C-alpha atoms as a PDB file:
ATOM      1  CA  UNK A   1      -5.629 -14.851  -8.693  1.00  0.00           C
ATOM      2  CA  UNK A   2      -8.208 -17.311 -10.010  1.00  0.00           C
ATOM      3  CA  UNK A   3     -11.967 -16.770  -9.933  1.00  0.00           C
ATOM      4  CA  UNK A   4     -12.494 -18.553  -6.613  1.00  0.00           C
ATOM      5  CA  UNK A   5      -9.655 -16.681  -4.903  1.00  0.00           C
ATOM      6  CA  UNK A   6     -10.914 -13.346  -6.221  1.00  0.00           C
ATOM      7  CA  UNK A   7     -14.333 -13.944  -4.682  1.00  0.00           C
ATOM      8  CA  UNK A   8     -12.714 -14.967  -1.411  1.00  0.00           C
ATOM      9  CA  UNK A   9     -10.654 -11.752  -1.349  1.00  0.00           C
ATOM     10  CA  UNK A  10     -13.823  -9.779  -2.109  1.00  0.00           C
ATOM     11  CA  UNK A  11     -15.554 -11.487   0.821  1.00  0.00           C
ATOM     12  CA  UNK A  12     -12.722 -10.642   3.219  1.00  0.00           C
ATOM     13  CA  UNK A  13     -12.600  -7.032   2.040  1.00  0.00           C
ATOM     14  CA  UNK A  14     -16.349  -6.438   2.468  1.00  0.00           C
ATOM     15  CA  UNK A  15     -16.311  -8.015   5.924  1.00  0.00           C
ATOM     16  CA  UNK A  16     -13.387  -5.846   7.055  1.00  0.00           C
ATOM     17  CA  UNK A  17     -14.929  -2.664   5.678  1.00  0.00           C
ATOM     18  CA  UNK A  18     -18.306  -3.379   7.270  1.00  0.00           C
ATOM     19  CA  UNK A  19     -16.605  -3.741  10.651  1.00  0.00           C
ATOM     20  CA  UNK A  20     -15.015  -0.301  10.284  1.00  0.00           C
ATOM     21  CA  UNK A  21     -18.253   1.662   9.858  1.00  0.00           C
ATOM     22  CA  UNK A  22     -19.573   3.178  13.088  1.00  0.00           C
ATOM     23  CA  UNK A  23     -23.376   2.725  13.301  1.00  0.00           C
ATOM     24  CA  UNK A  24     -23.902   6.292  14.527  1.00  0.00           C
ATOM     25  CA  UNK A  25     -22.115   7.614  11.418  1.00  0.00           C
ATOM     26  CA  UNK A  26     -24.978   6.315   9.256  1.00  0.00           C
ATOM     27  CA  UNK A  27     -27.737   7.407  11.638  1.00  0.00           C
ATOM     28  CA  UNK A  28     -28.353   4.117  13.413  1.00  0.00           C
ATOM     29  CA  UNK A  29     -29.223   4.158  17.134  1.00  0.00           C
ATOM     30  CA  UNK A  30     -26.548   3.301  19.690  1.00  0.00           C
ATOM     31  CA  UNK A  31     -28.847   1.281  21.929  1.00  0.00           C
ATOM     32  CA  UNK A  32     -28.796  -1.873  19.813  1.00  0.00           C
ATOM     33  CA  UNK A  33     -26.708  -4.640  21.390  1.00  0.00           C
ATOM     34  CA  UNK A  34     -23.943  -5.643  19.002  1.00  0.00           C
ATOM     35  CA  UNK A  35     -21.782  -8.730  19.194  1.00  0.00           C
ATOM     36  CA  UNK A  36     -19.327  -7.526  16.574  1.00  0.00           C
ATOM     37  CA  UNK A  37     -17.983  -4.058  15.682  1.00  0.00           C
ATOM     38  CA  UNK A  38     -19.396  -2.057  12.803  1.00  0.00           C
ATOM     39  CA  UNK A  39     -22.576  -2.675  10.874  1.00  0.00           C
ATOM     40  CA  UNK A  40     -24.620  -5.810  10.481  1.00  0.00           C
ATOM     41  CA  UNK A  41     -25.157  -7.317   7.065  1.00  0.00           C
ATOM     42  CA  UNK A  42     -28.822  -6.426   7.075  1.00  0.00           C
ATOM     43  CA  UNK A  43     -27.960  -2.815   7.877  1.00  0.00           C
ATOM     44  CA  UNK A  44     -25.565  -2.570   4.939  1.00  0.00           C
ATOM     45  CA  UNK A  45     -28.231  -4.096   2.722  1.00  0.00           C
ATOM     46  CA  UNK A  46     -30.807  -1.583   3.922  1.00  0.00           C
ATOM     47  CA  UNK A  47     -28.472   1.364   3.385  1.00  0.00           C
ATOM     48  CA  UNK A  48     -27.550   0.122  -0.093  1.00  0.00           C
ATOM     49  CA  UNK A  49     -31.156  -0.632  -1.091  1.00  0.00           C
ATOM     50  CA  UNK A  50     -30.611  -4.338  -1.747  1.00  0.00           C
ATOM     51  CA  UNK A  51     -31.993  -7.455  -0.112  1.00  0.00           C
ATOM     52  CA  UNK A  52     -30.218  -8.912   2.909  1.00  0.00           C
ATOM     53  CA  UNK A  53     -29.976 -12.273   1.166  1.00  0.00           C
ATOM     54  CA  UNK A  54     -28.301 -10.774  -1.904  1.00  0.00           C
ATOM     55  CA  UNK A  55     -25.774  -8.795   0.135  1.00  0.00           C
ATOM     56  CA  UNK A  56     -25.066 -11.832   2.314  1.00  0.00           C
ATOM     57  CA  UNK A  57     -24.285 -13.859  -0.791  1.00  0.00           C
ATOM     58  CA  UNK A  58     -22.020 -11.076  -2.071  1.00  0.00           C
ATOM     59  CA  UNK A  59     -20.123 -10.890   1.206  1.00  0.00           C
ATOM     60  CA  UNK A  60     -19.868 -14.663   1.368  1.00  0.00           C
ATOM     61  CA  UNK A  61     -18.104 -14.626  -1.984  1.00  0.00           C
ATOM     62  CA  UNK A  62     -20.795 -16.440  -3.929  1.00  0.00           C
ATOM     63  CA  UNK A  63     -20.679 -16.259  -7.702  1.00  0.00           C
ATOM     64  CA  UNK A  64     -23.588 -13.885  -8.351  1.00  0.00           C
ATOM     65  CA  UNK A  65     -24.265 -11.171 -10.914  1.00  0.00           C
ATOM     66  CA  UNK A  66     -23.209  -7.693  -9.814  1.00  0.00           C
ATOM     67  CA  UNK A  67     -23.713  -4.357 -11.565  1.00  0.00           C
ATOM     68  CA  UNK A  68     -21.672  -1.187 -11.224  1.00  0.00           C
ATOM     69  CA  UNK A  69     -24.724   0.762 -10.050  1.00  0.00           C
ATOM     70  CA  UNK A  70     -25.358  -1.651  -7.182  1.00  0.00           C
ATOM     71  CA  UNK A  71     -21.678  -1.561  -6.248  1.00  0.00           C
ATOM     72  CA  UNK A  72     -21.973   2.236  -6.072  1.00  0.00           C
ATOM     73  CA  UNK A  73     -24.664   1.803  -3.437  1.00  0.00           C
ATOM     74  CA  UNK A  74     -22.610  -0.768  -1.516  1.00  0.00           C
ATOM     75  CA  UNK A  75     -19.580   1.512  -1.613  1.00  0.00           C
ATOM     76  CA  UNK A  76     -21.619   4.440  -0.312  1.00  0.00           C
ATOM     77  CA  UNK A  77     -23.069   2.346   2.512  1.00  0.00           C
ATOM     78  CA  UNK A  78     -19.585   1.214   3.555  1.00  0.00           C
ATOM     79  CA  UNK A  79     -18.194   4.763   3.215  1.00  0.00           C
ATOM     80  CA  UNK A  80     -15.403   3.642   0.902  1.00  0.00           C
ATOM     81  CA  UNK A  81     -12.737   6.029  -0.361  1.00  0.00           C
ATOM     82  CA  UNK A  82     -12.117   6.489  -4.087  1.00  0.00           C
ATOM     83  CA  UNK A  83      -9.249   3.976  -4.009  1.00  0.00           C
ATOM     84  CA  UNK A  84     -11.302   1.472  -2.019  1.00  0.00           C
ATOM     85  CA  UNK A  85     -14.133   1.797  -4.546  1.00  0.00           C
ATOM     86  CA  UNK A  86     -11.751   0.978  -7.417  1.00  0.00           C
ATOM     87  CA  UNK A  87     -10.502  -2.017  -5.475  1.00  0.00           C
ATOM     88  CA  UNK A  88     -14.086  -3.193  -4.868  1.00  0.00           C
ATOM     89  CA  UNK A  89     -14.995  -2.840  -8.559  1.00  0.00           C
ATOM     90  CA  UNK A  90     -11.851  -4.697  -9.662  1.00  0.00           C
ATOM     91  CA  UNK A  91     -12.741  -7.660  -7.469  1.00  0.00           C
ATOM     92  CA  UNK A  92     -16.515  -7.720  -7.942  1.00  0.00           C
ATOM     93  CA  UNK A  93     -16.586  -6.975 -11.671  1.00  0.00           C
ATOM     94  CA  UNK A  94     -13.358  -8.830 -12.517  1.00  0.00           C
ATOM     95  CA  UNK A  95     -11.941  -5.781 -14.287  1.00  0.00           C
ATOM     96  CA  UNK A  96      -8.292  -6.694 -13.696  1.00  0.00           C
ATOM     97  CA  UNK A  97      -5.669  -6.674 -16.421  1.00  0.00           C
ATOM     98  CA  UNK A  98      -5.396  -9.554 -18.844  1.00  0.00           C
ATOM     99  CA  UNK A  99      -2.818 -12.059 -17.625  1.00  0.00           C
ATOM    100  CA  UNK A 100      -1.435 -12.457 -21.134  1.00  0.00           C
ATOM    101  CA  UNK A 101      -0.371  -8.823 -21.057  1.00  0.00           C
ATOM    102  CA  UNK A 102       1.806  -9.286 -17.959  1.00  0.00           C
ATOM    103  CA  UNK A 103       5.537  -8.876 -18.386  1.00  0.00           C
ATOM    104  CA  UNK A 104       7.903 -10.857 -16.201  1.00  0.00           C
ATOM    105  CA  UNK A 105      10.931  -8.680 -16.928  1.00  0.00           C
ATOM    106  CA  UNK A 106      11.573  -5.588 -14.826  1.00  0.00           C
ATOM    107  CA  UNK A 107      10.461  -2.410 -16.629  1.00  0.00           C
ATOM    108  CA  UNK A 108      13.122  -0.019 -17.821  1.00  0.00           C
ATOM    109  CA  UNK A 109      13.421   3.523 -16.515  1.00  0.00           C
ATOM    110  CA  UNK A 110      13.307   6.122 -19.276  1.00  0.00           C
ATOM    111  CA  UNK A 111      16.210   8.600 -19.609  1.00  0.00           C
ATOM    112  CA  UNK A 112      13.937  11.488 -18.601  1.00  0.00           C
ATOM    113  CA  UNK A 113      12.791   9.675 -15.443  1.00  0.00           C
ATOM    114  CA  UNK A 114      16.400   8.776 -14.654  1.00  0.00           C
ATOM    115  CA  UNK A 115      17.285  12.465 -14.968  1.00  0.00           C
ATOM    116  CA  UNK A 116      14.494  13.445 -12.583  1.00  0.00           C
ATOM    117  CA  UNK A 117      15.659  10.771 -10.161  1.00  0.00           C
ATOM    118  CA  UNK A 118      19.182  12.168 -10.074  1.00  0.00           C
ATOM    119  CA  UNK A 119      18.015  15.773  -9.800  1.00  0.00           C
ATOM    120  CA  UNK A 120      16.208  14.979  -6.549  1.00  0.00           C
ATOM    121  CA  UNK A 121      19.607  15.100  -4.837  1.00  0.00           C
ATOM    122  CA  UNK A 122      18.414  15.695  -1.294  1.00  0.00           C
ATOM    123  CA  UNK A 123      15.132  13.822  -1.484  1.00  0.00           C
ATOM    124  CA  UNK A 124      15.555  10.049  -1.099  1.00  0.00           C
ATOM    125  CA  UNK A 125      13.585   8.580  -4.011  1.00  0.00           C
ATOM    126  CA  UNK A 126      12.719   5.009  -4.947  1.00  0.00           C
ATOM    127  CA  UNK A 127      11.053   3.832  -8.168  1.00  0.00           C
ATOM    128  CA  UNK A 128       9.149   0.562  -8.018  1.00  0.00           C
ATOM    129  CA  UNK A 129       6.917  -1.453 -10.313  1.00  0.00           C
ATOM    130  CA  UNK A 130       3.430  -2.889  -9.794  1.00  0.00           C
ATOM    131  CA  UNK A 131       4.850  -5.716  -7.674  1.00  0.00           C
ATOM    132  CA  UNK A 132       6.778  -3.244  -5.494  1.00  0.00           C
ATOM    133  CA  UNK A 133      10.033  -4.459  -7.022  1.00  0.00           C
ATOM    134  CA  UNK A 134      12.618  -1.677  -6.749  1.00  0.00           C
ATOM    135  CA  UNK A 135      13.850  -0.753 -10.226  1.00  0.00           C
ATOM    136  CA  UNK A 136      15.562   2.561  -9.470  1.00  0.00           C
ATOM    137  CA  UNK A 137      16.805   4.817  -6.679  1.00  0.00           C
ATOM    138  CA  UNK A 138      19.045   7.814  -6.161  1.00  0.00           C
ATOM    139  CA  UNK A 139      22.113   8.405  -3.999  1.00  0.00           C
ATOM    140  CA  UNK A 140      20.062   9.958  -1.194  1.00  0.00           C
ATOM    141  CA  UNK A 141      17.996   6.772  -0.907  1.00  0.00           C
ATOM    142  CA  UNK A 142      21.156   4.693  -0.615  1.00  0.00           C
ATOM    143  CA  UNK A 143      22.390   6.880   2.251  1.00  0.00           C
ATOM    144  CA  UNK A 144      19.119   6.918   4.190  1.00  0.00           C
ATOM    145  CA  UNK A 145      17.917   3.346   3.593  1.00  0.00           C
ATOM    146  CA  UNK A 146      20.579   0.916   2.381  1.00  0.00           C
ATOM    147  CA  UNK A 147      22.767   0.242  -0.627  1.00  0.00           C
ATOM    148  CA  UNK A 148      20.297  -1.500  -2.922  1.00  0.00           C
ATOM    149  CA  UNK A 149      23.147  -2.462  -5.279  1.00  0.00           C
ATOM    150  CA  UNK A 150      24.300  -5.025  -2.718  1.00  0.00           C
ATOM    151  CA  UNK A 151      20.925  -6.763  -2.775  1.00  0.00           C
ATOM    152  CA  UNK A 152      20.333  -9.313  -5.573  1.00  0.00           C
ATOM    153  CA  UNK A 153      17.866  -8.052  -8.167  1.00  0.00           C
ATOM    154  CA  UNK A 154      15.322 -10.794  -7.405  1.00  0.00           C
ATOM    155  CA  UNK A 155      15.308  -9.784  -3.717  1.00  0.00           C
ATOM    156  CA  UNK A 156      14.703  -6.063  -4.259  1.00  0.00           C
ATOM    157  CA  UNK A 157      11.054  -6.144  -3.305  1.00  0.00           C
ATOM    158  CA  UNK A 158      10.124  -3.246  -1.027  1.00  0.00           C
ATOM    159  CA  UNK A 159       7.461  -5.176   0.888  1.00  0.00           C
ATOM    160  CA  UNK A 160       9.791  -8.094   1.495  1.00  0.00           C
ATOM    161  CA  UNK A 161      12.701  -5.857   2.501  1.00  0.00           C
ATOM    162  CA  UNK A 162      10.571  -4.097   5.110  1.00  0.00           C
ATOM    163  CA  UNK A 163      10.131  -7.417   6.923  1.00  0.00           C
ATOM    164  CA  UNK A 164      13.524  -9.031   6.275  1.00  0.00           C
ATOM    165  CA  UNK A 165      16.106  -6.259   6.599  1.00  0.00           C
ATOM    166  CA  UNK A 166      16.972  -5.111  10.112  1.00  0.00           C
ATOM    167  CA  UNK A 167      18.065  -1.751   8.648  1.00  0.00           C
ATOM    168  CA  UNK A 168      14.435  -0.914   7.846  1.00  0.00           C
ATOM    169  CA  UNK A 169      13.059  -2.151  11.169  1.00  0.00           C
ATOM    170  CA  UNK A 170      15.539  -0.105  13.186  1.00  0.00           C
ATOM    171  CA  UNK A 171      15.265   2.921  10.876  1.00  0.00           C
ATOM    172  CA  UNK A 172      11.535   3.655  11.020  1.00  0.00           C
ATOM    173  CA  UNK A 173      10.339   4.986  14.380  1.00  0.00           C
ATOM    174  CA  UNK A 174       6.723   4.336  13.361  1.00  0.00           C
ATOM    175  CA  UNK A 175       7.528   1.128  11.473  1.00  0.00           C
ATOM    176  CA  UNK A 176       3.969  -0.210  11.278  1.00  0.00           C
ATOM    177  CA  UNK A 177       2.703   3.037   9.750  1.00  0.00           C
ATOM    178  CA  UNK A 178       5.651   3.017   7.362  1.00  0.00           C
ATOM    179  CA  UNK A 179       4.826  -0.543   6.301  1.00  0.00           C
ATOM    180  CA  UNK A 180       1.101   0.125   6.088  1.00  0.00           C
ATOM    181  CA  UNK A 181       1.658   2.842   3.496  1.00  0.00           C
ATOM    182  CA  UNK A 182       3.381   0.389   1.164  1.00  0.00           C
ATOM    183  CA  UNK A 183       0.871  -2.374   1.870  1.00  0.00           C
ATOM    184  CA  UNK A 184      -1.999  -0.044   0.943  1.00  0.00           C
ATOM    185  CA  UNK A 185      -0.303   0.621  -2.404  1.00  0.00           C
ATOM    186  CA  UNK A 186       0.370  -3.085  -2.870  1.00  0.00           C
ATOM    187  CA  UNK A 187      -3.309  -3.912  -2.238  1.00  0.00           C
ATOM    188  CA  UNK A 188      -4.295  -1.398  -4.924  1.00  0.00           C
ATOM    189  CA  UNK A 189      -2.174  -3.307  -7.453  1.00  0.00           C
ATOM    190  CA  UNK A 190      -3.462  -6.601  -6.056  1.00  0.00           C
ATOM    191  CA  UNK A 191      -7.006  -5.599  -6.945  1.00  0.00           C
ATOM    192  CA  UNK A 192      -6.032  -4.183 -10.313  1.00  0.00           C
ATOM    193  CA  UNK A 193      -4.121  -7.266 -11.480  1.00  0.00           C
ATOM    194  CA  UNK A 194      -6.558  -9.845 -10.158  1.00  0.00           C
ATOM    195  CA  UNK A 195      -5.511 -12.497 -12.690  1.00  0.00           C
ATOM    196  CA  UNK A 196      -1.780 -12.464 -11.994  1.00  0.00           C
ATOM    197  CA  UNK A 197      -0.907 -15.574  -9.915  1.00  0.00           C
ATOM    198  CA  UNK A 198       2.325 -13.939  -8.729  1.00  0.00           C
ATOM    199  CA  UNK A 199       0.432 -11.967  -6.053  1.00  0.00           C
ATOM    200  CA  UNK A 200      -1.092 -15.029  -4.403  1.00  0.00           C
ATOM    201  CA  UNK A 201       2.270 -16.800  -4.375  1.00  0.00           C
ATOM    202  CA  UNK A 202       3.963 -13.744  -2.884  1.00  0.00           C
ATOM    203  CA  UNK A 203       1.287 -13.293  -0.197  1.00  0.00           C
ATOM    204  CA  UNK A 204       1.481 -16.961   0.733  1.00  0.00           C
ATOM    205  CA  UNK A 205       5.243 -16.645   1.143  1.00  0.00           C
ATOM    206  CA  UNK A 206       4.932 -13.506   3.284  1.00  0.00           C
ATOM    207  CA  UNK A 207       2.260 -15.055   5.520  1.00  0.00           C
ATOM    208  CA  UNK A 208       4.311 -18.197   6.037  1.00  0.00           C
ATOM    209  CA  UNK A 209       7.639 -16.531   6.759  1.00  0.00           C
ATOM    210  CA  UNK A 210       6.761 -13.285   8.538  1.00  0.00           C
ATOM    211  CA  UNK A 211       4.277 -13.436  11.460  1.00  0.00           C
ATOM    212  CA  UNK A 212       4.039  -9.619  11.608  1.00  0.00           C
ATOM    213  CA  UNK A 213       2.790  -9.457   8.025  1.00  0.00           C
ATOM    214  CA  UNK A 214      -0.692 -10.924   8.421  1.00  0.00           C
ATOM    215  CA  UNK A 215      -2.078  -8.514  11.076  1.00  0.00           C
ATOM    216  CA  UNK A 216      -1.001  -5.518   8.997  1.00  0.00           C
ATOM    217  CA  UNK A 217      -2.251  -6.995   5.720  1.00  0.00           C
ATOM    218  CA  UNK A 218      -5.595  -7.903   7.274  1.00  0.00           C
ATOM    219  CA  UNK A 219      -6.329  -4.264   8.012  1.00  0.00           C
ATOM    220  CA  UNK A 220      -7.276  -4.080   4.323  1.00  0.00           C
ATOM    221  CA  UNK A 221      -6.141  -0.508   3.767  1.00  0.00           C
ATOM    222  CA  UNK A 222      -6.218   0.624   0.139  1.00  0.00           C
ATOM    223  CA  UNK A 223      -4.547   3.775  -1.178  1.00  0.00           C
ATOM    224  CA  UNK A 224      -2.907   4.516  -4.496  1.00  0.00           C
ATOM    225  CA  UNK A 225      -1.000   7.516  -3.119  1.00  0.00           C
ATOM    226  CA  UNK A 226      -0.667   7.669   0.682  1.00  0.00           C
ATOM    227  CA  UNK A 227       0.741  10.965   1.976  1.00  0.00           C
ATOM    228  CA  UNK A 228       2.262  10.425   5.402  1.00  0.00           C
ATOM    229  CA  UNK A 229       4.997  11.780   7.670  1.00  0.00           C
ATOM    230  CA  UNK A 230       7.707   9.238   8.417  1.00  0.00           C
ATOM    231  CA  UNK A 231      10.117   9.485  11.333  1.00  0.00           C
ATOM    232  CA  UNK A 232      13.472   7.794  10.895  1.00  0.00           C
ATOM    233  CA  UNK A 233      16.119   7.129  13.525  1.00  0.00           C
ATOM    234  CA  UNK A 234      19.222   6.973  11.401  1.00  0.00           C
ATOM    235  CA  UNK A 235      22.328   5.311  12.854  1.00  0.00           C
ATOM    236  CA  UNK A 236      24.560   8.209  11.758  1.00  0.00           C
ATOM    237  CA  UNK A 237      22.251  11.200  11.351  1.00  0.00           C
ATOM    238  CA  UNK A 238      19.836  10.629  14.238  1.00  0.00           C
ATOM    239  CA  UNK A 239      16.205  11.721  14.035  1.00  0.00           C
ATOM    240  CA  UNK A 240      14.987  12.568  10.524  1.00  0.00           C
ATOM    241  CA  UNK A 241      11.482  13.540   9.425  1.00  0.00           C
ATOM    242  CA  UNK A 242      10.254  13.017   5.869  1.00  0.00           C
ATOM    243  CA  UNK A 243       6.999  13.606   4.020  1.00  0.00           C
ATOM    244  CA  UNK A 244       6.327  10.582   1.819  1.00  0.00           C
ATOM    245  CA  UNK A 245       4.689  11.391  -1.497  1.00  0.00           C
ATOM    246  CA  UNK A 246       3.874   8.531  -3.866  1.00  0.00           C
ATOM    247  CA  UNK A 247       3.327   9.356  -7.533  1.00  0.00           C
ATOM    248  CA  UNK A 248       2.193   7.159 -10.402  1.00  0.00           C
ATOM    249  CA  UNK A 249       4.534   7.555 -13.366  1.00  0.00           C
ATOM    250  CA  UNK A 250       2.748   8.196 -16.638  1.00  0.00           C
ATOM    251  CA  UNK A 251       3.627   5.887 -19.506  1.00  0.00           C
ATOM    252  CA  UNK A 252       3.330   2.295 -20.650  1.00  0.00           C
ATOM    253  CA  UNK A 253       5.232   0.886 -17.651  1.00  0.00           C
ATOM    254  CA  UNK A 254       3.331   0.694 -14.386  1.00  0.00           C
ATOM    255  CA  UNK A 255       5.910   2.503 -12.259  1.00  0.00           C
ATOM    256  CA  UNK A 256       5.612   4.423  -9.000  1.00  0.00           C
ATOM    257  CA  UNK A 257       7.889   7.123  -7.663  1.00  0.00           C
ATOM    258  CA  UNK A 258       8.133   7.337  -3.847  1.00  0.00           C
ATOM    259  CA  UNK A 259       9.727  10.624  -2.801  1.00  0.00           C
ATOM    260  CA  UNK A 260      10.824  11.350   0.762  1.00  0.00           C
ATOM    261  CA  UNK A 261      10.933  15.117   1.167  1.00  0.00           C
ATOM    262  CA  UNK A 262      12.702  16.462   4.280  1.00  0.00           C
ATOM    263  CA  UNK A 263      10.159  18.052   6.632  1.00  0.00           C
ATOM    264  CA  UNK A 264      10.683  21.846   6.412  1.00  0.00           C
ATOM    265  CA  UNK A 265      10.196  22.353  10.149  1.00  0.00           C
ATOM    266  CA  UNK A 266      13.060  19.960  10.955  1.00  0.00           C
ATOM    267  CA  UNK A 267      16.837  19.857  10.486  1.00  0.00           C
ATOM    268  CA  UNK A 268      16.513  16.805   8.251  1.00  0.00           C
ATOM    269  CA  UNK A 269      17.672  18.543   5.058  1.00  0.00           C
ATOM    270  CA  UNK A 270      20.899  19.689   6.694  1.00  0.00           C
ATOM    271  CA  UNK A 271      21.501  16.268   8.246  1.00  0.00           C
ATOM    272  CA  UNK A 272      20.985  14.580   4.884  1.00  0.00           C
ATOM    273  CA  UNK A 273      23.462  16.899   3.188  1.00  0.00           C
ATOM    274  CA  UNK A 274      26.072  16.159   5.846  1.00  0.00           C
ATOM    275  CA  UNK A 275      25.332  12.445   5.618  1.00  0.00           C
ATOM    276  CA  UNK A 276      25.923  12.478   1.869  1.00  0.00           C
ATOM    277  CA  UNK A 277      29.092  14.537   2.203  1.00  0.00           C
ATOM    278  CA  UNK A 278      31.427  12.941   4.769  1.00  0.00           C
ATOM    279  CA  UNK A 279      33.810  15.909   4.552  1.00  0.00           C
ATOM    280  CA  UNK A 280      31.404  17.914   6.686  1.00  0.00           C
ATOM    281  CA  UNK A 281      31.389  17.294  10.450  1.00  0.00           C
ATOM    282  CA  UNK A 282      28.551  15.134  11.676  1.00  0.00           C
ATOM    283  CA  UNK A 283      25.582  16.768  13.278  1.00  0.00           C
ATOM    284  CA  UNK A 284      24.699  15.401  16.697  1.00  0.00           C
ATOM    285  CA  UNK A 285      21.500  13.383  16.701  1.00  0.00           C
ATOM    286  CA  UNK A 286      18.414  14.963  18.150  1.00  0.00           C
ATOM    287  CA  UNK A 287      16.987  13.338  21.201  1.00  0.00           C
END
């Protein structure tokens, strides 16, 4: 994203985060009449120890000088998480990666990572890059989600597939929460690679072609490793519960490993084994 767009994204992020903070959580009285949810600009400025004018300019996306120490105060006032703080710093301090270092080709999975992927036999696992392009998966993922081999390489984007493939929409019982987990990861990369024009082009395409995308994206959630419980309604196996764990892969390639572990309190592990081995009789779906 260019300099102007980065400041605009910063403005939108600060506005959204300010609206999320409950006044009583920072010791402000409840009796004040408020036209909008959350804090006022002057209240954020007071909590952060900066002038209202300066904070207003920052939130408006004006090109002003910002220091890390002041951003610390802003982040504290807005009660940002560690991931949200990193996102704020990337946008405000322009600390994103150099565009000349970007690689257009899909990263390669190392033999050791490929071995790990195959060893997770009964845990559907997907490996994606910083653009959420799917670069690897195991057999369990193909059985639970879809056969990624049948999808052209250029269309294997997890965010895009969530909105375009009916298999995903019918699979996830809590679809919006499922999507939000991936969008929060995507926003983390979006802030980190602020100079890569691919993100703006991709977001423009998603906004124009998928009406459901914008409301979810505008929630501005940021998380590098969301840990959530996902409920699937599989066409053959019925109800399945998974714990989603997202791990950053160490190494030169910016890869992420999303592992769906069967919930121990459920019959998901047994259902998955039967699903992957058609010789076993099917287990009736849970209601």
